Amino acid sequence: MLVPSAIRGHSAVNIPCGGQMLRITRADDPFRVRLDLAGRVGDEWVAVLKAECHSVLEAGRMLDVDLAAVRFADRDGVELLRTLQARGVALLHANPLIEELLDPSPTRSTDEEAYGTDRV
């Protein structure tokens, strides 16, 4: 069930599911759209977010996605965010966990790399 609302030039969609929710708040200006996300980017919400982003980009507008209130992203959510980033979408204010998930290079070394193979 989608629950839209409009508050002072912003629109929001809440997507509830089993007590979990993704809130998407949209702020428009003539050339740019900002989507403020709150909650979890995963499961069926990935398709909703993808459709919203696609409509903005297809209209030729710049897109910013504010991730400050995103607590978690599953594999599909991370893949979507990486794809958006590759398309020039600005991903703003990601917390350290989300930043690490978005980083395609491994940041952690294995024990062998960190300590050498002849570790006791």
N, C-alpha and C. Protein backbone atom coordinates (compact mmCIF):
# COMPACT_ATOMS: atom_id res chain seq x y z
N MET A 1 0.84 -1.17 0.00
CA MET A 1 0.00 0.00 0.00
C MET A 1 0.88 1.24 0.00
N LEU A 2 0.67 2.17 -0.90
CA LEU A 2 1.40 3.42 -0.97
C LEU A 2 0.59 4.50 -0.28
N VAL A 3 1.25 5.31 0.51
CA VAL A 3 0.56 6.37 1.24
C VAL A 3 1.20 7.70 0.86
N PRO A 4 0.66 8.41 -0.14
CA PRO A 4 1.27 9.68 -0.53
C PRO A 4 0.82 10.81 0.37
N SER A 5 1.65 11.84 0.48
CA SER A 5 1.28 13.06 1.19
C SER A 5 2.01 14.22 0.55
N ALA A 6 1.49 15.41 0.73
CA ALA A 6 2.15 16.61 0.20
C ALA A 6 2.27 17.62 1.33
N ILE A 7 3.50 18.09 1.58
CA ILE A 7 3.75 19.04 2.64
C ILE A 7 4.68 20.13 2.11
N ARG A 8 4.20 21.37 2.02
CA ARG A 8 5.01 22.52 1.62
C ARG A 8 5.89 22.25 0.40
N GLY A 9 5.32 21.85 -0.68
CA GLY A 9 6.07 21.64 -1.90
C GLY A 9 6.84 20.34 -1.97
N HIS A 10 6.72 19.54 -0.95
CA HIS A 10 7.37 18.23 -0.94
C HIS A 10 6.30 17.17 -1.07
N SER A 11 6.68 16.06 -1.63
CA SER A 11 5.76 14.92 -1.64
C SER A 11 6.48 13.75 -1.00
N ALA A 12 5.74 12.88 -0.36
CA ALA A 12 6.35 11.74 0.32
C ALA A 12 5.53 10.50 0.04
N VAL A 13 6.22 9.38 -0.02
CA VAL A 13 5.56 8.09 -0.16
C VAL A 13 6.12 7.19 0.93
N ASN A 14 5.24 6.61 1.71
CA ASN A 14 5.62 5.63 2.72
C ASN A 14 5.27 4.26 2.19
N ILE A 15 6.19 3.33 2.31
CA ILE A 15 5.96 1.98 1.81
C ILE A 15 6.11 1.01 2.97
N PRO A 16 5.01 0.70 3.67
CA PRO A 16 5.12 -0.19 4.82
C PRO A 16 5.13 -1.66 4.42
N CYS A 17 5.83 -2.46 5.21
CA CYS A 17 5.83 -3.91 4.98
C CYS A 17 6.37 -4.59 6.23
N GLY A 18 5.52 -5.31 6.91
CA GLY A 18 5.96 -6.05 8.08
C GLY A 18 6.62 -5.19 9.13
N GLY A 19 6.13 -3.96 9.33
CA GLY A 19 6.72 -3.08 10.31
C GLY A 19 7.91 -2.29 9.79
N GLN A 20 8.45 -2.66 8.65
CA GLN A 20 9.58 -1.94 8.06
C GLN A 20 9.05 -0.99 7.00
N MET A 21 9.75 0.12 6.79
CA MET A 21 9.23 1.10 5.85
C MET A 21 10.39 1.85 5.19
N LEU A 22 10.18 2.24 3.96
CA LEU A 22 11.05 3.18 3.28
C LEU A 22 10.22 4.43 3.04
N ARG A 23 10.72 5.55 3.47
CA ARG A 23 10.05 6.82 3.22
C ARG A 23 10.86 7.55 2.16
N ILE A 24 10.18 7.96 1.11
CA ILE A 24 10.80 8.73 0.03
C ILE A 24 10.13 10.10 0.02
N THR A 25 10.90 11.13 0.28
CA THR A 25 10.39 12.50 0.24
C THR A 25 11.05 13.19 -0.94
N ARG A 26 10.23 13.77 -1.80
CA ARG A 26 10.73 14.38 -3.03
C ARG A 26 10.63 15.90 -2.95
N ALA A 27 11.72 16.57 -3.27
CA ALA A 27 11.76 18.03 -3.34
C ALA A 27 12.20 18.41 -4.75
N ASP A 28 11.39 19.21 -5.41
CA ASP A 28 11.64 19.59 -6.81
C ASP A 28 12.03 21.05 -6.92
N ASP A 29 12.92 21.33 -7.85
CA ASP A 29 13.11 22.68 -8.37
C ASP A 29 13.13 22.52 -9.89
N PRO A 30 13.22 23.59 -10.66
CA PRO A 30 13.08 23.45 -12.11
C PRO A 30 14.06 22.48 -12.79
N PHE A 31 15.27 22.33 -12.25
CA PHE A 31 16.27 21.52 -12.94
C PHE A 31 16.74 20.31 -12.15
N ARG A 32 16.43 20.25 -10.87
CA ARG A 32 16.98 19.22 -10.00
C ARG A 32 15.89 18.68 -9.09
N VAL A 33 16.01 17.40 -8.78
CA VAL A 33 15.11 16.75 -7.83
C VAL A 33 15.98 16.12 -6.74
N ARG A 34 15.54 16.27 -5.50
CA ARG A 34 16.22 15.61 -4.39
C ARG A 34 15.24 14.62 -3.77
N LEU A 35 15.70 13.38 -3.63
CA LEU A 35 14.93 12.36 -2.94
C LEU A 35 15.60 12.11 -1.60
N ASP A 36 14.87 12.36 -0.52
CA ASP A 36 15.36 12.06 0.82
C ASP A 36 14.78 10.70 1.22
N LEU A 37 15.67 9.76 1.49
CA LEU A 37 15.25 8.41 1.85
C LEU A 37 15.42 8.20 3.35
N ALA A 38 14.50 7.46 3.93
CA ALA A 38 14.59 7.10 5.34
C ALA A 38 14.11 5.66 5.51
N GLY A 39 14.89 4.86 6.21
CA GLY A 39 14.50 3.48 6.47
C GLY A 39 15.45 2.50 5.80
N ARG A 40 14.85 1.50 5.17
CA ARG A 40 15.61 0.40 4.56
C ARG A 40 15.41 0.39 3.05
N VAL A 41 16.52 0.32 2.31
CA VAL A 41 16.46 0.20 0.85
C VAL A 41 16.65 -1.28 0.53
N GLY A 42 15.54 -1.97 0.31
CA GLY A 42 15.62 -3.39 0.04
C GLY A 42 14.26 -3.94 -0.33
N ASP A 43 14.27 -5.22 -0.67
CA ASP A 43 13.05 -5.94 -1.01
C ASP A 43 12.27 -5.22 -2.11
N GLU A 44 10.95 -5.11 -1.95
CA GLU A 44 10.11 -4.51 -2.99
C GLU A 44 10.32 -3.00 -3.12
N TRP A 45 10.95 -2.37 -2.13
CA TRP A 45 11.17 -0.92 -2.18
C TRP A 45 12.19 -0.53 -3.24
N VAL A 46 13.07 -1.46 -3.59
CA VAL A 46 14.08 -1.17 -4.61
C VAL A 46 13.40 -0.84 -5.93
N ALA A 47 12.37 -1.59 -6.29
CA ALA A 47 11.66 -1.34 -7.55
C ALA A 47 10.95 0.01 -7.53
N VAL A 48 10.38 0.38 -6.38
CA VAL A 48 9.70 1.67 -6.27
C VAL A 48 10.71 2.80 -6.41
N LEU A 49 11.84 2.70 -5.71
CA LEU A 49 12.88 3.72 -5.80
C LEU A 49 13.45 3.80 -7.21
N LYS A 50 13.67 2.65 -7.83
CA LYS A 50 14.20 2.62 -9.19
C LYS A 50 13.24 3.33 -10.16
N ALA A 51 11.96 3.08 -10.03
CA ALA A 51 10.98 3.71 -10.91
C ALA A 51 10.96 5.23 -10.71
N GLU A 52 11.02 5.66 -9.46
CA GLU A 52 11.03 7.10 -9.17
C GLU A 52 12.27 7.77 -9.76
N CYS A 53 13.42 7.16 -9.55
CA CYS A 53 14.67 7.71 -10.09
C CYS A 53 14.66 7.72 -11.61
N HIS A 54 14.18 6.65 -12.20
CA HIS A 54 14.12 6.54 -13.67
C HIS A 54 13.26 7.66 -14.26
N SER A 55 12.12 7.93 -13.63
CA SER A 55 11.24 8.98 -14.16
C SER A 55 11.91 10.35 -14.11
N VAL A 56 12.68 10.61 -13.06
CA VAL A 56 13.39 11.88 -12.94
C VAL A 56 14.47 11.98 -14.01
N LEU A 57 15.28 10.94 -14.15
CA LEU A 57 16.39 10.97 -15.11
C LEU A 57 15.90 11.00 -16.54
N GLU A 58 14.82 10.28 -16.85
CA GLU A 58 14.27 10.29 -18.20
C GLU A 58 13.70 11.65 -18.58
N ALA A 59 13.31 12.44 -17.59
CA ALA A 59 12.80 13.79 -17.84
C ALA A 59 13.95 14.78 -18.04
N GLY A 60 15.19 14.29 -17.96
CA GLY A 60 16.35 15.14 -18.20
C GLY A 60 16.72 16.02 -17.02
N ARG A 61 16.27 15.66 -15.83
CA ARG A 61 16.57 16.46 -14.65
C ARG A 61 17.71 15.83 -13.85
N MET A 62 18.44 16.66 -13.14
CA MET A 62 19.50 16.19 -12.25
C MET A 62 18.84 15.57 -11.02
N LEU A 63 19.53 14.59 -10.42
CA LEU A 63 18.95 13.89 -9.27
C LEU A 63 19.98 13.78 -8.15
N ASP A 64 19.55 14.15 -6.96
CA ASP A 64 20.32 13.93 -5.73
C ASP A 64 19.51 12.97 -4.87
N VAL A 65 20.18 12.01 -4.25
CA VAL A 65 19.53 11.09 -3.33
C VAL A 65 20.22 11.22 -1.98
N ASP A 66 19.46 11.70 -0.99
CA ASP A 66 20.00 11.89 0.35
C ASP A 66 19.79 10.61 1.16
N LEU A 67 20.90 10.03 1.61
CA LEU A 67 20.87 8.74 2.30
C LEU A 67 21.09 8.88 3.81
N ALA A 68 21.00 10.09 4.33
CA ALA A 68 21.31 10.33 5.75
C ALA A 68 20.49 9.46 6.69
N ALA A 69 19.25 9.19 6.36
CA ALA A 69 18.37 8.43 7.25
C ALA A 69 18.19 6.98 6.81
N VAL A 70 19.03 6.50 5.90
CA VAL A 70 18.97 5.09 5.48
C VAL A 70 19.76 4.26 6.47
N ARG A 71 19.11 3.28 7.07
CA ARG A 71 19.74 2.42 8.07
C ARG A 71 20.36 1.17 7.46
N PHE A 72 19.83 0.74 6.31
CA PHE A 72 20.26 -0.53 5.74
C PHE A 72 19.95 -0.56 4.26
N ALA A 73 20.77 -1.26 3.49
CA ALA A 73 20.49 -1.54 2.08
C ALA A 73 20.87 -2.99 1.81
N ASP A 74 19.95 -3.74 1.20
CA ASP A 74 20.28 -5.12 0.86
C ASP A 74 21.06 -5.13 -0.46
N ARG A 75 21.36 -6.32 -0.95
CA ARG A 75 22.19 -6.45 -2.16
C ARG A 75 21.56 -5.72 -3.35
N ASP A 76 20.25 -5.89 -3.56
CA ASP A 76 19.59 -5.22 -4.68
C ASP A 76 19.58 -3.70 -4.48
N GLY A 77 19.42 -3.26 -3.24
CA GLY A 77 19.45 -1.83 -2.95
C GLY A 77 20.82 -1.23 -3.22
N VAL A 78 21.87 -1.93 -2.81
CA VAL A 78 23.24 -1.46 -3.06
C VAL A 78 23.51 -1.43 -4.56
N GLU A 79 23.08 -2.46 -5.27
CA GLU A 79 23.28 -2.50 -6.72
C GLU A 79 22.58 -1.31 -7.39
N LEU A 80 21.35 -1.00 -6.97
CA LEU A 80 20.64 0.15 -7.53
C LEU A 80 21.39 1.44 -7.22
N LEU A 81 21.83 1.62 -5.99
CA LEU A 81 22.54 2.85 -5.64
C LEU A 81 23.84 2.99 -6.43
N ARG A 82 24.55 1.89 -6.62
CA ARG A 82 25.78 1.93 -7.45
C ARG A 82 25.46 2.31 -8.89
N THR A 83 24.37 1.75 -9.42
CA THR A 83 23.96 2.07 -10.79
C THR A 83 23.60 3.54 -10.91
N LEU A 84 22.86 4.05 -9.94
CA LEU A 84 22.51 5.47 -9.94
C LEU A 84 23.75 6.34 -9.90
N GLN A 85 24.69 5.98 -9.05
CA GLN A 85 25.94 6.73 -8.93
C GLN A 85 26.68 6.73 -10.26
N ALA A 86 26.71 5.59 -10.95
CA ALA A 86 27.38 5.50 -12.25
C ALA A 86 26.69 6.36 -13.30
N ARG A 87 25.39 6.61 -13.12
CA ARG A 87 24.64 7.46 -14.05
C ARG A 87 24.73 8.94 -13.70
N GLY A 88 25.55 9.28 -12.70
CA GLY A 88 25.75 10.68 -12.35
C GLY A 88 24.86 11.20 -11.24
N VAL A 89 24.12 10.32 -10.60
CA VAL A 89 23.28 10.73 -9.48
C VAL A 89 24.17 10.97 -8.27
N ALA A 90 23.94 12.09 -7.59
CA ALA A 90 24.70 12.40 -6.38
C ALA A 90 24.07 11.67 -5.20
N LEU A 91 24.86 10.81 -4.55
CA LEU A 91 24.41 10.13 -3.33
C LEU A 91 24.98 10.91 -2.16
N LEU A 92 24.10 11.51 -1.37
CA LEU A 92 24.52 12.44 -0.32
C LEU A 92 24.35 11.84 1.07
N HIS A 93 25.25 12.20 1.97
CA HIS A 93 25.14 11.97 3.40
C HIS A 93 24.99 10.51 3.81
N ALA A 94 25.62 9.62 3.10
CA ALA A 94 25.54 8.20 3.47
C ALA A 94 26.30 7.96 4.77
N ASN A 95 25.74 7.12 5.63
CA ASN A 95 26.45 6.78 6.87
C ASN A 95 27.61 5.84 6.52
N PRO A 96 28.54 5.62 7.45
CA PRO A 96 29.72 4.78 7.14
C PRO A 96 29.38 3.38 6.64
N LEU A 97 28.34 2.75 7.18
CA LEU A 97 27.96 1.41 6.72
C LEU A 97 27.55 1.45 5.25
N ILE A 98 26.70 2.38 4.89
CA ILE A 98 26.24 2.48 3.50
C ILE A 98 27.41 2.85 2.59
N GLU A 99 28.28 3.76 3.02
CA GLU A 99 29.47 4.10 2.22
C GLU A 99 30.32 2.87 1.95
N GLU A 100 30.51 2.05 2.97
CA GLU A 100 31.32 0.84 2.79
C GLU A 100 30.65 -0.13 1.82
N LEU A 101 29.33 -0.26 1.93
CA LEU A 101 28.61 -1.15 1.02
C LEU A 101 28.69 -0.66 -0.42
N LEU A 102 28.73 0.66 -0.62
CA LEU A 102 28.78 1.22 -1.96
C LEU A 102 30.18 1.17 -2.56
N ASP A 103 31.19 1.01 -1.73
CA ASP A 103 32.57 0.98 -2.20
C ASP A 103 32.82 -0.36 -2.89
N PRO A 104 33.10 -0.36 -4.21
CA PRO A 104 33.28 -1.62 -4.92
C PRO A 104 34.59 -2.32 -4.60
N SER A 105 35.57 -1.59 -4.05
CA SER A 105 36.85 -2.23 -3.74
C SER A 105 36.81 -2.76 -2.32
N PRO A 106 37.40 -3.92 -2.10
CA PRO A 106 37.42 -4.47 -0.75
C PRO A 106 38.29 -3.61 0.15
N THR A 107 37.78 -3.29 1.34
CA THR A 107 38.54 -2.43 2.25
C THR A 107 39.17 -3.23 3.37
N ARG A 108 38.76 -4.45 3.51
CA ARG A 108 39.31 -5.27 4.57
C ARG A 108 40.29 -6.26 3.99
N SER A 109 41.38 -6.44 4.66
CA SER A 109 42.37 -7.41 4.20
C SER A 109 42.14 -8.74 4.91
N THR A 110 42.58 -9.78 4.28
CA THR A 110 42.50 -11.10 4.92
C THR A 110 43.61 -11.22 5.95
N ASP A 111 43.54 -12.23 6.78
CA ASP A 111 44.60 -12.45 7.77
C ASP A 111 45.95 -12.62 7.08
N GLU A 112 45.97 -13.36 5.95
CA GLU A 112 47.23 -13.58 5.25
C GLU A 112 47.81 -12.26 4.76
N GLU A 113 46.98 -11.40 4.21
CA GLU A 113 47.48 -10.11 3.72
C GLU A 113 47.95 -9.24 4.87
N ALA A 114 47.25 -9.28 5.99
CA ALA A 114 47.57 -8.42 7.10
C ALA A 114 48.79 -8.93 7.89
N TYR A 115 48.90 -10.25 8.02
CA TYR A 115 49.94 -10.79 8.90
C TYR A 115 50.97 -11.63 8.17
N GLY A 116 50.79 -11.89 6.90
CA GLY A 116 51.72 -12.75 6.17
C GLY A 116 51.30 -14.21 6.30
N THR A 117 51.85 -15.05 5.45
CA THR A 117 51.45 -16.46 5.42
C THR A 117 52.13 -17.28 6.49
N ASP A 118 53.21 -16.78 7.08
CA ASP A 118 53.91 -17.58 8.07
C ASP A 118 53.55 -17.17 9.50
N ARG A 119 52.32 -16.78 9.67
CA ARG A 119 51.81 -16.41 10.98
C ARG A 119 51.70 -17.63 11.89
N VAL A 120 52.03 -17.50 13.13
CA VAL A 120 52.01 -18.63 14.07
C VAL A 120 50.65 -18.80 14.68
